Amino acid sequence: MLINTKEQMYTVFELQQLIEQAIPKIEYPSHPKNLYAPLTYIMNLGGKRLRPALVLITTDMFKGDIMEAMPAALAIETFHNFTLIHDDIMDNAPLRRGKLTVHEKWGTNNAILSGDVMMVEANKQLAQVDSSILKDVLNTFNATAQGVCEGQQLDMEFETRDNVSITEYIDMIRLKTAVLVGGAMKLGAIIAKASPEHATHIYDFGENLGIAFQLQDDILDVYGDPEKFGKQVGGDIKSNKKTFLLLSLQQRLSSEDQLVLEDQFTNETASKVQNVTNLYNQYQIKELATAEMQHYLAKAFDALDQIDIPEIQKAQLVQLANELMNRER
């Protein structure tokens, strides 16, 4: 058993490596081949494995057995990849991490069905946890999965709505992005037999960190260094995506500048990204978004402070959170 009895906690890298070693060992049925081959394909496309790592980091933080938490970590990673298959279908995306998406490789109908069976596989992983905590684990996982689906639905609905409020947007990113962070961490706490209060606090930490992370993503999409951030600058502007920045701008525009903004989205000029960014600068939208991000980050660390364990046990989690929130701008 890998119960951490040393003062130094497992590093995030060590836990990510354990997950990488465990994923190829997952055994899926071999027939029908076209149903299960996509599971092996997408699970082995790589990625940072941060969500499953959060399960293990939290288990380790509460001095639990990280191998007892591995099935839950793999369930979280399986569910995450299930959402990627369906997201790629909805977005009509041809590539995922530089490789053909599942629906491009196997066809849309096949991809939908393979995605569906991934939910079954995730539950099969969860069924391996200690029976004494299985109910709490399943309740937490199911609430998390349902929240993610609700967030995706809201995100799609926002595409056709003109009156999305900032409160609605924050709730959407909470569901679509942040509940999976919080849920993964709560699973780790439950498996480590942490108290219900500690499990709630670590969930609150993860959820608020997830919101802060997404707000930072909105900012970096406009103001990030594309080489360091790994995305094109202004992608959200080009696609008319409703973000915290755009919604905040729309609330503050003068009637004259409202016409300027509408013209950018109507006529799709070559200078659209620069023109919208100029409006962001004029109305100090970056500063507003940064303040909102810092608000949720502070809420996250306030929740972590409520967990009365030695600070050394929180060190890896704090380090990871700081790294996530200090990406290149």
C-alpha atoms as a PDB file:
ATOM      1  CA  MET A   1       0.000   0.000   0.000  1.00  0.00           C
ATOM      2  CA  LEU A   2       1.262   3.483  -0.855  1.00  0.00           C
ATOM      3  CA  ILE A   3       0.287   5.234   2.358  1.00  0.00           C
ATOM      4  CA  ASN A   4       2.397   8.316   2.788  1.00  0.00           C
ATOM      5  CA  THR A   5       4.121   8.227   6.172  1.00  0.00           C
ATOM      6  CA  LYS A   6       6.988  10.510   5.215  1.00  0.00           C
ATOM      7  CA  GLU A   7       7.041  14.212   5.953  1.00  0.00           C
ATOM      8  CA  GLN A   8       7.572  15.068   2.285  1.00  0.00           C
ATOM      9  CA  MET A   9       4.395  14.567   0.255  1.00  0.00           C
ATOM     10  CA  TYR A  10       4.340  12.951  -3.164  1.00  0.00           C
ATOM     11  CA  THR A  11       5.054  15.465  -5.881  1.00  0.00           C
ATOM     12  CA  VAL A  12       2.458  16.244  -8.516  1.00  0.00           C
ATOM     13  CA  PHE A  13       4.796  14.775 -11.135  1.00  0.00           C
ATOM     14  CA  GLU A  14       5.130  11.511  -9.218  1.00  0.00           C
ATOM     15  CA  LEU A  15       1.354  11.176  -9.013  1.00  0.00           C
ATOM     16  CA  GLN A  16       0.922  12.048 -12.693  1.00  0.00           C
ATOM     17  CA  GLN A  17       3.438   9.333 -13.544  1.00  0.00           C
ATOM     18  CA  LEU A  18       1.501   6.771 -11.498  1.00  0.00           C
ATOM     19  CA  ILE A  19      -1.637   7.699 -13.449  1.00  0.00           C
ATOM     20  CA  GLU A  20       0.209   7.412 -16.776  1.00  0.00           C
ATOM     21  CA  GLN A  21       1.360   3.933 -15.754  1.00  0.00           C
ATOM     22  CA  ALA A  22      -2.143   2.899 -14.681  1.00  0.00           C
ATOM     23  CA  ILE A  23      -4.057   4.025 -17.790  1.00  0.00           C
ATOM     24  CA  PRO A  24      -2.574   1.458 -20.233  1.00  0.00           C
ATOM     25  CA  LYS A  25      -3.415  -1.286 -17.716  1.00  0.00           C
ATOM     26  CA  ILE A  26      -7.163  -0.587 -17.889  1.00  0.00           C
ATOM     27  CA  GLU A  27      -8.786  -3.601 -19.524  1.00  0.00           C
ATOM     28  CA  TYR A  28     -11.710  -2.917 -21.824  1.00  0.00           C
ATOM     29  CA  PRO A  29     -13.763  -5.624 -23.549  1.00  0.00           C
ATOM     30  CA  SER A  30     -12.390  -6.562 -26.963  1.00  0.00           C
ATOM     31  CA  HIS A  31     -15.751  -6.933 -28.712  1.00  0.00           C
ATOM     32  CA  PRO A  32     -17.312  -5.061 -30.442  1.00  0.00           C
ATOM     33  CA  LYS A  33     -13.949  -3.655 -31.435  1.00  0.00           C
ATOM     34  CA  ASN A  34     -15.272  -0.372 -32.832  1.00  0.00           C
ATOM     35  CA  LEU A  35     -17.077   0.361 -29.566  1.00  0.00           C
ATOM     36  CA  TYR A  36     -14.054  -0.081 -27.298  1.00  0.00           C
ATOM     37  CA  ALA A  37     -11.080   0.827 -29.516  1.00  0.00           C
ATOM     38  CA  PRO A  38     -11.938   4.559 -29.267  1.00  0.00           C
ATOM     39  CA  LEU A  39     -11.679   4.322 -25.465  1.00  0.00           C
ATOM     40  CA  THR A  40      -8.105   3.075 -25.597  1.00  0.00           C
ATOM     41  CA  TYR A  41      -7.349   5.652 -28.291  1.00  0.00           C
ATOM     42  CA  ILE A  42      -8.549   8.756 -26.462  1.00  0.00           C
ATOM     43  CA  MET A  43      -7.345   7.660 -23.020  1.00  0.00           C
ATOM     44  CA  ASN A  44      -3.835   7.319 -24.440  1.00  0.00           C
ATOM     45  CA  LEU A  45      -3.744  10.634 -26.315  1.00  0.00           C
ATOM     46  CA  GLY A  46      -1.948  12.163 -23.352  1.00  0.00           C
ATOM     47  CA  GLY A  47      -2.619  15.388 -21.514  1.00  0.00           C
ATOM     48  CA  LYS A  48      -1.535  16.707 -18.144  1.00  0.00           C
ATOM     49  CA  ARG A  49      -3.777  14.334 -16.149  1.00  0.00           C
ATOM     50  CA  LEU A  50      -4.432  17.145 -13.685  1.00  0.00           C
ATOM     51  CA  ARG A  51      -7.967  16.110 -12.769  1.00  0.00           C
ATOM     52  CA  PRO A  52      -7.093  12.555 -11.716  1.00  0.00           C
ATOM     53  CA  ALA A  53      -3.933  13.887 -10.079  1.00  0.00           C
ATOM     54  CA  LEU A  54      -6.126  16.108  -7.900  1.00  0.00           C
ATOM     55  CA  VAL A  55      -7.832  12.984  -6.534  1.00  0.00           C
ATOM     56  CA  LEU A  56      -4.476  11.525  -5.535  1.00  0.00           C
ATOM     57  CA  ILE A  57      -3.028  14.820  -4.263  1.00  0.00           C
ATOM     58  CA  THR A  58      -5.987  15.252  -1.938  1.00  0.00           C
ATOM     59  CA  THR A  59      -5.832  11.646  -0.735  1.00  0.00           C
ATOM     60  CA  ASP A  60      -2.136  12.134  -0.039  1.00  0.00           C
ATOM     61  CA  MET A  61      -2.809  15.443   1.710  1.00  0.00           C
ATOM     62  CA  PHE A  62      -5.098  13.667   4.166  1.00  0.00           C
ATOM     63  CA  LYS A  63      -2.573  10.830   4.610  1.00  0.00           C
ATOM     64  CA  GLY A  64      -4.639   8.274   2.708  1.00  0.00           C
ATOM     65  CA  ASP A  65      -3.526   5.364   0.527  1.00  0.00           C
ATOM     66  CA  ILE A  66      -3.102   6.767  -2.972  1.00  0.00           C
ATOM     67  CA  MET A  67      -3.500   3.346  -4.584  1.00  0.00           C
ATOM     68  CA  GLU A  68      -6.899   2.982  -2.943  1.00  0.00           C
ATOM     69  CA  ALA A  69      -7.754   6.273  -4.631  1.00  0.00           C
ATOM     70  CA  MET A  70      -6.440   5.232  -8.056  1.00  0.00           C
ATOM     71  CA  PRO A  71      -9.778   3.740  -9.266  1.00  0.00           C
ATOM     72  CA  ALA A  72     -11.521   7.039  -8.486  1.00  0.00           C
ATOM     73  CA  ALA A  73      -8.737   8.966 -10.220  1.00  0.00           C
ATOM     74  CA  LEU A  74      -9.111   6.793 -13.313  1.00  0.00           C
ATOM     75  CA  ALA A  75     -12.891   7.246 -13.173  1.00  0.00           C
ATOM     76  CA  ILE A  76     -12.425  11.022 -13.201  1.00  0.00           C
ATOM     77  CA  GLU A  77     -10.037  10.782 -16.155  1.00  0.00           C
ATOM     78  CA  THR A  78     -12.418   8.432 -17.990  1.00  0.00           C
ATOM     79  CA  PHE A  79     -15.322  10.797 -17.435  1.00  0.00           C
ATOM     80  CA  HIS A  80     -13.233  13.792 -18.542  1.00  0.00           C
ATOM     81  CA  ASN A  81     -12.337  12.033 -21.788  1.00  0.00           C
ATOM     82  CA  PHE A  82     -15.985  11.073 -22.298  1.00  0.00           C
ATOM     83  CA  THR A  83     -16.814  14.786 -22.220  1.00  0.00           C
ATOM     84  CA  LEU A  84     -14.019  15.486 -24.710  1.00  0.00           C
ATOM     85  CA  ILE A  85     -15.454  13.000 -27.221  1.00  0.00           C
ATOM     86  CA  HIS A  86     -18.875  14.614 -27.047  1.00  0.00           C
ATOM     87  CA  ASP A  87     -17.485  18.173 -26.947  1.00  0.00           C
ATOM     88  CA  ASP A  88     -15.504  17.476 -30.121  1.00  0.00           C
ATOM     89  CA  ILE A  89     -18.657  16.235 -31.840  1.00  0.00           C
ATOM     90  CA  MET A  90     -20.616  19.341 -30.802  1.00  0.00           C
ATOM     91  CA  ASP A  91     -17.755  21.614 -31.876  1.00  0.00           C
ATOM     92  CA  ASN A  92     -17.132  19.665 -35.089  1.00  0.00           C
ATOM     93  CA  ALA A  93     -13.450  19.603 -34.095  1.00  0.00           C
ATOM     94  CA  PRO A  94     -11.146  17.653 -36.442  1.00  0.00           C
ATOM     95  CA  LEU A  95      -8.203  17.318 -34.046  1.00  0.00           C
ATOM     96  CA  ARG A  96      -7.606  16.624 -30.367  1.00  0.00           C
ATOM     97  CA  ARG A  97      -4.023  17.060 -29.109  1.00  0.00           C
ATOM     98  CA  GLY A  98      -2.801  16.996 -32.686  1.00  0.00           C
ATOM     99  CA  LYS A  99      -4.523  13.695 -33.530  1.00  0.00           C
ATOM    100  CA  LEU A 100      -7.805  12.926 -35.273  1.00  0.00           C
ATOM    101  CA  THR A 101     -10.812  13.234 -32.983  1.00  0.00           C
ATOM    102  CA  VAL A 102     -12.790  10.071 -32.260  1.00  0.00           C
ATOM    103  CA  HIS A 103     -15.714  11.103 -34.462  1.00  0.00           C
ATOM    104  CA  GLU A 104     -13.355  11.850 -37.368  1.00  0.00           C
ATOM    105  CA  LYS A 105     -11.645   8.486 -36.996  1.00  0.00           C
ATOM    106  CA  TRP A 106     -14.648   6.256 -36.288  1.00  0.00           C
ATOM    107  CA  GLY A 107     -17.673   8.332 -37.319  1.00  0.00           C
ATOM    108  CA  THR A 108     -20.100  10.426 -35.287  1.00  0.00           C
ATOM    109  CA  ASN A 109     -22.543   7.680 -34.333  1.00  0.00           C
ATOM    110  CA  ASN A 110     -19.728   5.422 -33.203  1.00  0.00           C
ATOM    111  CA  ALA A 111     -18.182   8.260 -31.203  1.00  0.00           C
ATOM    112  CA  ILE A 112     -21.447   8.985 -29.402  1.00  0.00           C
ATOM    113  CA  LEU A 113     -21.837   5.353 -28.397  1.00  0.00           C
ATOM    114  CA  SER A 114     -18.199   5.013 -27.347  1.00  0.00           C
ATOM    115  CA  GLY A 115     -18.574   8.141 -25.253  1.00  0.00           C
ATOM    116  CA  ASP A 116     -21.666   6.687 -23.624  1.00  0.00           C
ATOM    117  CA  VAL A 117     -19.905   3.475 -22.671  1.00  0.00           C
ATOM    118  CA  MET A 118     -17.114   5.500 -21.063  1.00  0.00           C
ATOM    119  CA  MET A 119     -19.606   6.525 -18.386  1.00  0.00           C
ATOM    120  CA  VAL A 120     -20.191   2.841 -17.706  1.00  0.00           C
ATOM    121  CA  GLU A 121     -16.444   2.255 -17.523  1.00  0.00           C
ATOM    122  CA  ALA A 122     -16.066   5.160 -15.095  1.00  0.00           C
ATOM    123  CA  ASN A 123     -18.657   3.607 -12.799  1.00  0.00           C
ATOM    124  CA  LYS A 124     -16.912   0.238 -13.038  1.00  0.00           C
ATOM    125  CA  GLN A 125     -13.746   1.959 -11.810  1.00  0.00           C
ATOM    126  CA  LEU A 126     -15.619   3.582  -8.925  1.00  0.00           C
ATOM    127  CA  ALA A 127     -17.086   0.238  -7.887  1.00  0.00           C
ATOM    128  CA  GLN A 128     -13.575  -0.813  -6.848  1.00  0.00           C
ATOM    129  CA  VAL A 129     -13.396   1.599  -3.899  1.00  0.00           C
ATOM    130  CA  ASP A 130     -13.936   0.452  -0.311  1.00  0.00           C
ATOM    131  CA  SER A 131     -17.584  -0.542   0.146  1.00  0.00           C
ATOM    132  CA  SER A 132     -17.820   1.512   3.347  1.00  0.00           C
ATOM    133  CA  ILE A 133     -17.441   4.750   1.367  1.00  0.00           C
ATOM    134  CA  LEU A 134     -18.925   3.642  -1.971  1.00  0.00           C
ATOM    135  CA  LYS A 135     -22.219   5.492  -1.484  1.00  0.00           C
ATOM    136  CA  ASP A 136     -20.473   8.804  -0.731  1.00  0.00           C
ATOM    137  CA  VAL A 137     -18.090   8.272  -3.641  1.00  0.00           C
ATOM    138  CA  LEU A 138     -20.911   7.540  -6.091  1.00  0.00           C
ATOM    139  CA  ASN A 139     -23.012  10.456  -4.858  1.00  0.00           C
ATOM    140  CA  THR A 140     -20.065  12.828  -5.263  1.00  0.00           C
ATOM    141  CA  PHE A 141     -19.142  11.520  -8.707  1.00  0.00           C
ATOM    142  CA  ASN A 142     -22.711  11.594  -9.999  1.00  0.00           C
ATOM    143  CA  ALA A 143     -23.308  15.133  -8.734  1.00  0.00           C
ATOM    144  CA  THR A 144     -20.068  16.185 -10.411  1.00  0.00           C
ATOM    145  CA  ALA A 145     -20.904  14.507 -13.731  1.00  0.00           C
ATOM    146  CA  GLN A 146     -24.410  15.938 -13.756  1.00  0.00           C
ATOM    147  CA  GLY A 147     -23.077  19.425 -13.049  1.00  0.00           C
ATOM    148  CA  VAL A 148     -20.630  19.238 -15.954  1.00  0.00           C
ATOM    149  CA  CYS A 149     -23.436  18.248 -18.330  1.00  0.00           C
ATOM    150  CA  GLU A 150     -25.594  21.109 -17.027  1.00  0.00           C
ATOM    151  CA  GLY A 151     -22.729  23.531 -17.607  1.00  0.00           C
ATOM    152  CA  GLN A 152     -22.241  22.335 -21.175  1.00  0.00           C
ATOM    153  CA  GLN A 153     -25.958  22.768 -21.847  1.00  0.00           C
ATOM    154  CA  LEU A 154     -25.916  26.323 -20.493  1.00  0.00           C
ATOM    155  CA  ASP A 155     -22.838  27.145 -22.563  1.00  0.00           C
ATOM    156  CA  MET A 156     -24.636  26.017 -25.711  1.00  0.00           C
ATOM    157  CA  GLU A 157     -27.741  28.004 -24.814  1.00  0.00           C
ATOM    158  CA  PHE A 158     -25.668  31.137 -24.216  1.00  0.00           C
ATOM    159  CA  GLU A 159     -24.505  31.017 -27.846  1.00  0.00           C
ATOM    160  CA  THR A 160     -27.998  31.997 -29.027  1.00  0.00           C
ATOM    161  CA  ARG A 161     -28.870  34.418 -26.217  1.00  0.00           C
ATOM    162  CA  ASP A 162     -28.210  38.155 -26.213  1.00  0.00           C
ATOM    163  CA  ASN A 163     -28.948  38.795 -22.541  1.00  0.00           C
ATOM    164  CA  VAL A 164     -26.544  36.590 -20.585  1.00  0.00           C
ATOM    165  CA  SER A 165     -25.711  38.100 -17.204  1.00  0.00           C
ATOM    166  CA  ILE A 166     -22.335  37.893 -15.492  1.00  0.00           C
ATOM    167  CA  THR A 167     -23.963  35.939 -12.657  1.00  0.00           C
ATOM    168  CA  GLU A 168     -25.247  33.385 -15.168  1.00  0.00           C
ATOM    169  CA  TYR A 169     -21.826  33.198 -16.811  1.00  0.00           C
ATOM    170  CA  ILE A 170     -20.059  32.544 -13.503  1.00  0.00           C
ATOM    171  CA  ASP A 171     -22.552  29.793 -12.712  1.00  0.00           C
ATOM    172  CA  MET A 172     -22.013  28.256 -16.132  1.00  0.00           C
ATOM    173  CA  ILE A 173     -18.225  28.066 -15.750  1.00  0.00           C
ATOM    174  CA  ARG A 174     -18.694  26.800 -12.201  1.00  0.00           C
ATOM    175  CA  LEU A 175     -20.697  23.887 -13.559  1.00  0.00           C
ATOM    176  CA  LYS A 176     -18.810  23.258 -16.790  1.00  0.00           C
ATOM    177  CA  THR A 177     -15.281  23.541 -15.386  1.00  0.00           C
ATOM    178  CA  ALA A 178     -15.073  24.042 -11.644  1.00  0.00           C
ATOM    179  CA  VAL A 179     -17.299  21.305 -10.223  1.00  0.00           C
ATOM    180  CA  LEU A 180     -15.026  18.678 -11.779  1.00  0.00           C
ATOM    181  CA  VAL A 181     -12.045  20.185  -9.948  1.00  0.00           C
ATOM    182  CA  GLY A 182     -13.946  20.311  -6.675  1.00  0.00           C
ATOM    183  CA  GLY A 183     -15.498  16.886  -7.181  1.00  0.00           C
ATOM    184  CA  ALA A 184     -12.138  15.250  -7.904  1.00  0.00           C
ATOM    185  CA  MET A 185     -10.695  16.688  -4.718  1.00  0.00           C
ATOM    186  CA  LYS A 186     -13.710  15.712  -2.619  1.00  0.00           C
ATOM    187  CA  LEU A 187     -13.369  12.135  -3.872  1.00  0.00           C
ATOM    188  CA  GLY A 188      -9.773  12.111  -2.674  1.00  0.00           C
ATOM    189  CA  ALA A 189     -10.853  13.384   0.735  1.00  0.00           C
ATOM    190  CA  ILE A 190     -13.603  10.769   1.087  1.00  0.00           C
ATOM    191  CA  ILE A 191     -11.247   7.931   0.158  1.00  0.00           C
ATOM    192  CA  ALA A 192      -8.698   9.202   2.693  1.00  0.00           C
ATOM    193  CA  LYS A 193     -11.452   9.101   5.354  1.00  0.00           C
ATOM    194  CA  ALA A 194     -11.239  12.859   5.948  1.00  0.00           C
ATOM    195  CA  SER A 195     -14.008  14.393   8.025  1.00  0.00           C
ATOM    196  CA  PRO A 196     -17.169  15.585   6.222  1.00  0.00           C
ATOM    197  CA  GLU A 197     -16.206  19.165   7.122  1.00  0.00           C
ATOM    198  CA  HIS A 198     -12.779  18.768   5.560  1.00  0.00           C
ATOM    199  CA  ALA A 199     -14.304  17.140   2.471  1.00  0.00           C
ATOM    200  CA  THR A 200     -16.631  20.131   2.087  1.00  0.00           C
ATOM    201  CA  HIS A 201     -13.800  22.624   2.530  1.00  0.00           C
ATOM    202  CA  ILE A 202     -11.588  20.907  -0.031  1.00  0.00           C
ATOM    203  CA  TYR A 203     -14.502  20.825  -2.479  1.00  0.00           C
ATOM    204  CA  ASP A 204     -14.998  24.567  -1.959  1.00  0.00           C
ATOM    205  CA  PHE A 205     -11.282  25.111  -2.539  1.00  0.00           C
ATOM    206  CA  GLY A 206     -11.391  23.183  -5.810  1.00  0.00           C
ATOM    207  CA  GLU A 207     -14.567  24.778  -7.097  1.00  0.00           C
ATOM    208  CA  ASN A 208     -13.392  28.337  -6.461  1.00  0.00           C
ATOM    209  CA  LEU A 209      -9.963  27.548  -7.887  1.00  0.00           C
ATOM    210  CA  GLY A 210     -11.689  26.201 -10.996  1.00  0.00           C
ATOM    211  CA  ILE A 211     -13.689  29.408 -11.422  1.00  0.00           C
ATOM    212  CA  ALA A 212     -10.549  31.512 -10.969  1.00  0.00           C
ATOM    213  CA  PHE A 213      -8.733  29.331 -13.500  1.00  0.00           C
ATOM    214  CA  GLN A 214     -11.449  29.796 -16.131  1.00  0.00           C
ATOM    215  CA  LEU A 215     -11.527  33.557 -15.572  1.00  0.00           C
ATOM    216  CA  GLN A 216      -7.781  33.571 -16.040  1.00  0.00           C
ATOM    217  CA  ASP A 217      -8.316  31.620 -19.271  1.00  0.00           C
ATOM    218  CA  ASP A 218     -10.674  34.362 -20.482  1.00  0.00           C
ATOM    219  CA  ILE A 219      -8.002  36.969 -19.761  1.00  0.00           C
ATOM    220  CA  LEU A 220      -5.164  35.003 -21.358  1.00  0.00           C
ATOM    221  CA  ASP A 221      -7.185  34.429 -24.511  1.00  0.00           C
ATOM    222  CA  VAL A 222      -6.935  38.166 -25.143  1.00  0.00           C
ATOM    223  CA  TYR A 223      -3.750  39.167 -23.357  1.00  0.00           C
ATOM    224  CA  GLY A 224      -1.659  35.996 -23.271  1.00  0.00           C
ATOM    225  CA  ASP A 225       1.539  35.237 -25.134  1.00  0.00           C
ATOM    226  CA  PRO A 226       0.411  32.679 -27.766  1.00  0.00           C
ATOM    227  CA  GLU A 227       3.763  30.864 -27.718  1.00  0.00           C
ATOM    228  CA  LYS A 228       3.734  30.476 -23.930  1.00  0.00           C
ATOM    229  CA  PHE A 229      -0.022  30.091 -23.454  1.00  0.00           C
ATOM    230  CA  GLY A 230      -0.358  27.598 -26.309  1.00  0.00           C
ATOM    231  CA  LYS A 231      -3.433  29.173 -27.928  1.00  0.00           C
ATOM    232  CA  GLN A 232      -4.121  31.795 -30.566  1.00  0.00           C
ATOM    233  CA  VAL A 233      -4.681  35.269 -29.180  1.00  0.00           C
ATOM    234  CA  GLY A 234      -8.233  36.482 -29.552  1.00  0.00           C
ATOM    235  CA  GLY A 235      -9.798  33.119 -30.301  1.00  0.00           C
ATOM    236  CA  ASP A 236     -12.803  33.947 -28.130  1.00  0.00           C
ATOM    237  CA  ILE A 237     -13.228  37.301 -29.874  1.00  0.00           C
ATOM    238  CA  LYS A 238     -13.026  35.709 -33.315  1.00  0.00           C
ATOM    239  CA  SER A 239     -15.721  33.179 -32.413  1.00  0.00           C
ATOM    240  CA  ASN A 240     -17.972  35.760 -30.688  1.00  0.00           C
ATOM    241  CA  LYS A 241     -17.744  33.694 -27.492  1.00  0.00           C
ATOM    242  CA  LYS A 242     -19.421  35.148 -24.434  1.00  0.00           C
ATOM    243  CA  THR A 243     -16.736  35.516 -21.765  1.00  0.00           C
ATOM    244  CA  PHE A 244     -16.461  37.504 -18.567  1.00  0.00           C
ATOM    245  CA  LEU A 245     -14.579  40.178 -20.499  1.00  0.00           C
ATOM    246  CA  LEU A 246     -17.179  40.576 -23.236  1.00  0.00           C
ATOM    247  CA  LEU A 247     -20.140  40.546 -20.841  1.00  0.00           C
ATOM    248  CA  SER A 248     -18.442  43.128 -18.613  1.00  0.00           C
ATOM    249  CA  LEU A 249     -17.719  45.321 -21.626  1.00  0.00           C
ATOM    250  CA  GLN A 250     -21.325  45.153 -22.816  1.00  0.00           C
ATOM    251  CA  GLN A 251     -22.495  46.352 -19.400  1.00  0.00           C
ATOM    252  CA  ARG A 252     -20.276  49.420 -19.544  1.00  0.00           C
ATOM    253  CA  LEU A 253     -20.339  50.551 -23.161  1.00  0.00           C
ATOM    254  CA  SER A 254     -21.591  53.961 -24.156  1.00  0.00           C
ATOM    255  CA  SER A 255     -24.298  53.923 -26.825  1.00  0.00           C
ATOM    256  CA  GLU A 256     -21.728  55.061 -29.382  1.00  0.00           C
ATOM    257  CA  ASP A 257     -19.256  52.323 -28.510  1.00  0.00           C
ATOM    258  CA  GLN A 258     -22.092  49.795 -28.443  1.00  0.00           C
ATOM    259  CA  LEU A 259     -22.492  50.452 -32.154  1.00  0.00           C
ATOM    260  CA  VAL A 260     -18.755  50.024 -32.650  1.00  0.00           C
ATOM    261  CA  LEU A 261     -18.854  46.623 -30.929  1.00  0.00           C
ATOM    262  CA  GLU A 262     -21.906  45.477 -32.854  1.00  0.00           C
ATOM    263  CA  ASP A 263     -20.183  46.449 -36.088  1.00  0.00           C
ATOM    264  CA  GLN A 264     -17.196  44.257 -35.209  1.00  0.00           C
ATOM    265  CA  PHE A 265     -19.387  41.203 -34.662  1.00  0.00           C
ATOM    266  CA  THR A 266     -21.548  41.901 -37.700  1.00  0.00           C
ATOM    267  CA  ASN A 267     -18.921  42.661 -40.315  1.00  0.00           C
ATOM    268  CA  GLU A 268     -16.089  40.387 -39.089  1.00  0.00           C
ATOM    269  CA  THR A 269     -13.306  42.779 -40.092  1.00  0.00           C
ATOM    270  CA  ALA A 270      -9.673  41.690 -40.277  1.00  0.00           C
ATOM    271  CA  SER A 271      -8.882  44.012 -37.365  1.00  0.00           C
ATOM    272  CA  LYS A 272     -11.724  42.665 -35.194  1.00  0.00           C
ATOM    273  CA  VAL A 273      -9.475  41.263 -32.450  1.00  0.00           C
ATOM    274  CA  GLN A 274      -7.513  44.497 -32.143  1.00  0.00           C
ATOM    275  CA  ASN A 275     -10.619  46.682 -32.241  1.00  0.00           C
ATOM    276  CA  VAL A 276     -12.407  44.716 -29.519  1.00  0.00           C
ATOM    277  CA  THR A 277      -9.220  44.588 -27.450  1.00  0.00           C
ATOM    278  CA  ASN A 278      -8.992  48.371 -27.744  1.00  0.00           C
ATOM    279  CA  LEU A 279     -12.475  48.605 -26.243  1.00  0.00           C
ATOM    280  CA  TYR A 280     -11.415  46.284 -23.425  1.00  0.00           C
ATOM    281  CA  ASN A 281      -8.465  48.565 -22.744  1.00  0.00           C
ATOM    282  CA  GLN A 282     -10.580  51.717 -22.926  1.00  0.00           C
ATOM    283  CA  TYR A 283     -13.047  50.394 -20.338  1.00  0.00           C
ATOM    284  CA  GLN A 284     -10.380  48.703 -18.167  1.00  0.00           C
ATOM    285  CA  ILE A 285     -11.977  45.308 -18.606  1.00  0.00           C
ATOM    286  CA  LYS A 286      -8.762  43.384 -17.999  1.00  0.00           C
ATOM    287  CA  GLU A 287      -8.502  44.986 -14.560  1.00  0.00           C
ATOM    288  CA  LEU A 288     -12.115  44.063 -13.769  1.00  0.00           C
ATOM    289  CA  ALA A 289     -11.572  40.466 -14.845  1.00  0.00           C
ATOM    290  CA  THR A 290      -8.340  40.211 -12.867  1.00  0.00           C
ATOM    291  CA  ALA A 291     -10.096  41.489  -9.745  1.00  0.00           C
ATOM    292  CA  GLU A 292     -12.866  38.907 -10.207  1.00  0.00           C
ATOM    293  CA  MET A 293     -10.297  36.161 -10.686  1.00  0.00           C
ATOM    294  CA  GLN A 294      -8.477  37.227  -7.518  1.00  0.00           C
ATOM    295  CA  HIS A 295     -11.785  37.242  -5.633  1.00  0.00           C
ATOM    296  CA  TYR A 296     -12.399  33.559  -6.388  1.00  0.00           C
ATOM    297  CA  LEU A 297      -8.786  32.646  -5.784  1.00  0.00           C
ATOM    298  CA  ALA A 298      -9.015  34.254  -2.332  1.00  0.00           C
ATOM    299  CA  LYS A 299     -12.220  32.300  -1.653  1.00  0.00           C
ATOM    300  CA  ALA A 300     -10.378  29.114  -2.593  1.00  0.00           C
ATOM    301  CA  PHE A 301      -7.515  29.718  -0.187  1.00  0.00           C
ATOM    302  CA  ASP A 302      -9.921  30.803   2.545  1.00  0.00           C
ATOM    303  CA  ALA A 303     -11.556  27.372   2.244  1.00  0.00           C
ATOM    304  CA  LEU A 304      -8.155  25.659   2.361  1.00  0.00           C
ATOM    305  CA  ASP A 305      -7.286  27.604   5.509  1.00  0.00           C
ATOM    306  CA  GLN A 306     -10.314  26.022   7.211  1.00  0.00           C
ATOM    307  CA  ILE A 307      -8.671  22.601   6.981  1.00  0.00           C
ATOM    308  CA  ASP A 308      -6.760  22.168  10.220  1.00  0.00           C
ATOM    309  CA  ILE A 309      -3.918  19.894   9.182  1.00  0.00           C
ATOM    310  CA  PRO A 310      -0.187  20.689   9.121  1.00  0.00           C
ATOM    311  CA  GLU A 311       0.744  23.117   6.362  1.00  0.00           C
ATOM    312  CA  ILE A 312       3.349  20.697   5.046  1.00  0.00           C
ATOM    313  CA  GLN A 313       0.503  18.380   4.029  1.00  0.00           C
ATOM    314  CA  LYS A 314      -1.011  21.162   1.926  1.00  0.00           C
ATOM    315  CA  ALA A 315       2.277  22.126   0.285  1.00  0.00           C
ATOM    316  CA  GLN A 316       1.922  20.190  -2.988  1.00  0.00           C
ATOM    317  CA  LEU A 317      -1.626  21.408  -3.488  1.00  0.00           C
ATOM    318  CA  VAL A 318      -0.684  25.013  -2.790  1.00  0.00           C
ATOM    319  CA  GLN A 319       2.253  24.749  -5.185  1.00  0.00           C
ATOM    320  CA  LEU A 320       0.066  23.313  -7.935  1.00  0.00           C
ATOM    321  CA  ALA A 321      -2.598  25.991  -7.436  1.00  0.00           C
ATOM    322  CA  ASN A 322       0.012  28.731  -7.636  1.00  0.00           C
ATOM    323  CA  GLU A 323       1.490  27.228 -10.809  1.00  0.00           C
ATOM    324  CA  LEU A 324      -1.956  27.009 -12.423  1.00  0.00           C
ATOM    325  CA  MET A 325      -2.705  30.615 -11.565  1.00  0.00           C
ATOM    326  CA  ASN A 326       0.660  31.954 -12.745  1.00  0.00           C
ATOM    327  CA  ARG A 327       0.568  30.866 -16.356  1.00  0.00           C
ATOM    328  CA  GLU A 328       2.367  33.056 -18.855  1.00  0.00           C
ATOM    329  CA  ARG A 329       0.482  36.206 -19.752  1.00  0.00           C
END
